[in-house]
Amino acid sequence: MTVRKFAMTDASFERSPGQDGEVFAGNVVDQRHGGPITIGFGRYGPDQSIDVTLAVDDVMVVLEGRLSVSTASSKASAGPGEIIYMPKGQSVTIRSHEHGAVTAYVTYPHWQEALE
């Protein structure tokens, strides 16, 4: 794989697995490209919430809006230019605020393979 850059228009968004709300993920690099990580964009509608136990290490960079991530013992909130790290095995609630959010993400290993 050569050096590449990506924009949101390069992502094909799909509803996040197991979710029925307005939460979408769009991979731009994944297992099909031969690298060890997945890179993509996330899009959260206003006031959305998802509960998930992470099958991978996940890093989210907030590009627009605001997200809060909470566990049984902690909570982090991030806005544009801030990063949230969520370790594999952690049960989290990810919540968007009144204006929704757009993120860029990196997971290790590939999240789609980890869900299989």
C-alpha atoms as a PDB file:
ATOM      1  CA  MET A   1       0.000   0.000   0.000  1.00  0.00           C
ATOM      2  CA  THR A   2       1.305   3.432  -0.895  1.00  0.00           C
ATOM      3  CA  VAL A   3       0.988   6.663   1.067  1.00  0.00           C
ATOM      4  CA  ARG A   4      -2.536   8.008   0.661  1.00  0.00           C
ATOM      5  CA  LYS A   5      -4.767  10.707   2.080  1.00  0.00           C
ATOM      6  CA  PHE A   6      -8.494  10.372   2.717  1.00  0.00           C
ATOM      7  CA  ALA A   7     -11.516  12.643   3.001  1.00  0.00           C
ATOM      8  CA  MET A   8     -14.996  11.860   4.270  1.00  0.00           C
ATOM      9  CA  THR A   9     -16.163  11.653   0.661  1.00  0.00           C
ATOM     10  CA  ASP A  10     -13.931   8.554   0.289  1.00  0.00           C
ATOM     11  CA  ALA A  11     -15.915   6.674   2.954  1.00  0.00           C
ATOM     12  CA  SER A  12     -18.962   4.554   2.212  1.00  0.00           C
ATOM     13  CA  PHE A  13     -21.024   4.900   5.410  1.00  0.00           C
ATOM     14  CA  GLU A  14     -22.992   2.001   6.875  1.00  0.00           C
ATOM     15  CA  ARG A  15     -24.986   1.797  10.084  1.00  0.00           C
ATOM     16  CA  SER A  16     -22.737   0.624  12.893  1.00  0.00           C
ATOM     17  CA  PRO A  17     -23.159  -3.127  13.532  1.00  0.00           C
ATOM     18  CA  GLY A  18     -25.889  -4.004  16.023  1.00  0.00           C
ATOM     19  CA  GLN A  19     -27.181  -0.420  16.177  1.00  0.00           C
ATOM     20  CA  ASP A  20     -30.470   1.010  14.975  1.00  0.00           C
ATOM     21  CA  GLY A  21     -29.803   4.690  15.674  1.00  0.00           C
ATOM     22  CA  GLU A  22     -28.131   7.343  13.577  1.00  0.00           C
ATOM     23  CA  VAL A  23     -24.581   6.046  14.064  1.00  0.00           C
ATOM     24  CA  PHE A  24     -22.600   5.272  10.915  1.00  0.00           C
ATOM     25  CA  ALA A  25     -19.071   4.059  10.167  1.00  0.00           C
ATOM     26  CA  GLY A  26     -17.173   4.324   6.906  1.00  0.00           C
ATOM     27  CA  ASN A  27     -13.853   2.492   6.586  1.00  0.00           C
ATOM     28  CA  VAL A  28     -11.285   3.890   4.172  1.00  0.00           C
ATOM     29  CA  VAL A  29      -8.562   1.345   5.069  1.00  0.00           C
ATOM     30  CA  ASP A  30      -9.270  -2.122   6.445  1.00  0.00           C
ATOM     31  CA  GLN A  31      -8.314  -5.783   6.123  1.00  0.00           C
ATOM     32  CA  ARG A  32      -8.902  -5.652   2.372  1.00  0.00           C
ATOM     33  CA  HIS A  33      -5.910  -3.306   2.011  1.00  0.00           C
ATOM     34  CA  GLY A  34      -3.349  -5.532   3.752  1.00  0.00           C
ATOM     35  CA  GLY A  35      -2.425  -3.291   6.688  1.00  0.00           C
ATOM     36  CA  PRO A  36      -2.794  -4.156  10.395  1.00  0.00           C
ATOM     37  CA  ILE A  37      -5.279  -1.369  11.272  1.00  0.00           C
ATOM     38  CA  THR A  38      -8.663  -0.045  10.226  1.00  0.00           C
ATOM     39  CA  ILE A  39      -9.005   3.685   9.530  1.00  0.00           C
ATOM     40  CA  GLY A  40     -12.282   5.441   8.853  1.00  0.00           C
ATOM     41  CA  PHE A  41     -14.810   8.111   9.636  1.00  0.00           C
ATOM     42  CA  GLY A  42     -17.770   7.997  12.022  1.00  0.00           C
ATOM     43  CA  ARG A  43     -20.948  10.027  11.858  1.00  0.00           C
ATOM     44  CA  TYR A  44     -23.294  10.404  14.847  1.00  0.00           C
ATOM     45  CA  GLY A  45     -26.689  12.066  14.642  1.00  0.00           C
ATOM     46  CA  PRO A  46     -27.830  14.378  17.462  1.00  0.00           C
ATOM     47  CA  ASP A  47     -28.342  12.800  20.892  1.00  0.00           C
ATOM     48  CA  GLN A  48     -27.411   9.257  19.871  1.00  0.00           C
ATOM     49  CA  SER A  49     -26.117   6.654  22.304  1.00  0.00           C
ATOM     50  CA  ILE A  50     -24.542   3.241  21.760  1.00  0.00           C
ATOM     51  CA  ASP A  51     -23.415   0.652  24.295  1.00  0.00           C
ATOM     52  CA  VAL A  52     -20.615  -1.676  23.245  1.00  0.00           C
ATOM     53  CA  THR A  53     -17.914  -3.910  24.670  1.00  0.00           C
ATOM     54  CA  LEU A  54     -14.876  -3.179  22.539  1.00  0.00           C
ATOM     55  CA  ALA A  55     -13.450  -6.097  20.558  1.00  0.00           C
ATOM     56  CA  VAL A  56     -10.462  -3.935  19.475  1.00  0.00           C
ATOM     57  CA  ASP A  57      -8.381  -1.015  20.678  1.00  0.00           C
ATOM     58  CA  ASP A  58     -10.161   2.075  19.323  1.00  0.00           C
ATOM     59  CA  VAL A  59      -8.967   5.663  18.902  1.00  0.00           C
ATOM     60  CA  MET A  60     -11.459   8.391  17.912  1.00  0.00           C
ATOM     61  CA  VAL A  61     -10.471  11.900  16.851  1.00  0.00           C
ATOM     62  CA  VAL A  62     -13.431  14.272  17.081  1.00  0.00           C
ATOM     63  CA  LEU A  63     -13.600  16.441  13.961  1.00  0.00           C
ATOM     64  CA  GLU A  64     -16.975  18.128  14.536  1.00  0.00           C
ATOM     65  CA  GLY A  65     -19.483  18.251  17.391  1.00  0.00           C
ATOM     66  CA  ARG A  66     -19.002  16.611  20.770  1.00  0.00           C
ATOM     67  CA  LEU A  67     -18.924  13.029  22.111  1.00  0.00           C
ATOM     68  CA  SER A  68     -18.916  11.600  25.610  1.00  0.00           C
ATOM     69  CA  VAL A  69     -17.597   8.139  26.396  1.00  0.00           C
ATOM     70  CA  SER A  70     -18.396   6.612  29.759  1.00  0.00           C
ATOM     71  CA  THR A  71     -17.564   3.377  31.545  1.00  0.00           C
ATOM     72  CA  ALA A  72     -18.669   2.067  34.910  1.00  0.00           C
ATOM     73  CA  SER A  73     -15.858   4.079  36.533  1.00  0.00           C
ATOM     74  CA  SER A  74     -14.988   7.015  34.272  1.00  0.00           C
ATOM     75  CA  LYS A  75     -16.217   9.507  31.687  1.00  0.00           C
ATOM     76  CA  ALA A  76     -14.452  11.535  28.997  1.00  0.00           C
ATOM     77  CA  SER A  77     -15.930  14.198  26.756  1.00  0.00           C
ATOM     78  CA  ALA A  78     -14.206  15.447  23.604  1.00  0.00           C
ATOM     79  CA  GLY A  79     -14.753  18.162  21.012  1.00  0.00           C
ATOM     80  CA  PRO A  80     -13.018  19.130  17.758  1.00  0.00           C
ATOM     81  CA  GLY A  81      -9.314  18.335  17.750  1.00  0.00           C
ATOM     82  CA  GLU A  82      -9.491  16.074  20.811  1.00  0.00           C
ATOM     83  CA  ILE A  83      -8.836  12.320  20.960  1.00  0.00           C
ATOM     84  CA  ILE A  84     -10.490   9.550  22.950  1.00  0.00           C
ATOM     85  CA  TYR A  85      -8.764   6.178  23.406  1.00  0.00           C
ATOM     86  CA  MET A  86     -10.848   3.127  24.333  1.00  0.00           C
ATOM     87  CA  PRO A  87      -9.001  -0.099  25.188  1.00  0.00           C
ATOM     88  CA  LYS A  88     -10.016  -3.542  23.981  1.00  0.00           C
ATOM     89  CA  GLY A  89     -12.371  -5.331  26.366  1.00  0.00           C
ATOM     90  CA  GLN A  90     -13.794  -2.126  27.900  1.00  0.00           C
ATOM     91  CA  SER A  91     -17.586  -1.740  28.046  1.00  0.00           C
ATOM     92  CA  VAL A  92     -18.425   1.808  26.982  1.00  0.00           C
ATOM     93  CA  THR A  93     -21.360   4.065  26.237  1.00  0.00           C
ATOM     94  CA  ILE A  94     -20.650   6.515  23.429  1.00  0.00           C
ATOM     95  CA  ARG A  95     -23.036   9.469  23.334  1.00  0.00           C
ATOM     96  CA  SER A  96     -23.279  12.344  20.914  1.00  0.00           C
ATOM     97  CA  HIS A  97     -24.615  15.692  22.041  1.00  0.00           C
ATOM     98  CA  GLU A  98     -27.274  18.015  20.602  1.00  0.00           C
ATOM     99  CA  HIS A  99     -25.454  18.708  17.313  1.00  0.00           C
ATOM    100  CA  GLY A 100     -24.170  15.186  16.634  1.00  0.00           C
ATOM    101  CA  ALA A 101     -20.531  14.480  15.833  1.00  0.00           C
ATOM    102  CA  VAL A 102     -18.095  13.488  13.130  1.00  0.00           C
ATOM    103  CA  THR A 103     -14.994  11.461  13.999  1.00  0.00           C
ATOM    104  CA  ALA A 104     -11.989   9.844  12.414  1.00  0.00           C
ATOM    105  CA  TYR A 105     -11.062   6.480  13.919  1.00  0.00           C
ATOM    106  CA  VAL A 106      -8.257   3.937  14.004  1.00  0.00           C
ATOM    107  CA  THR A 107      -8.726   0.425  15.365  1.00  0.00           C
ATOM    108  CA  TYR A 108      -6.300  -2.399  16.009  1.00  0.00           C
ATOM    109  CA  PRO A 109      -6.858  -5.049  14.916  1.00  0.00           C
ATOM    110  CA  HIS A 110      -9.586  -4.715  12.276  1.00  0.00           C
ATOM    111  CA  TRP A 111     -12.950  -4.203  13.998  1.00  0.00           C
ATOM    112  CA  GLN A 112     -14.934  -6.059  11.311  1.00  0.00           C
ATOM    113  CA  GLU A 113     -12.802  -9.197  11.718  1.00  0.00           C
ATOM    114  CA  ALA A 114     -13.031  -8.979  15.525  1.00  0.00           C
ATOM    115  CA  LEU A 115     -16.855  -9.024  15.336  1.00  0.00           C
ATOM    116  CA  GLU A 116     -16.949 -12.230  13.284  1.00  0.00           C
END
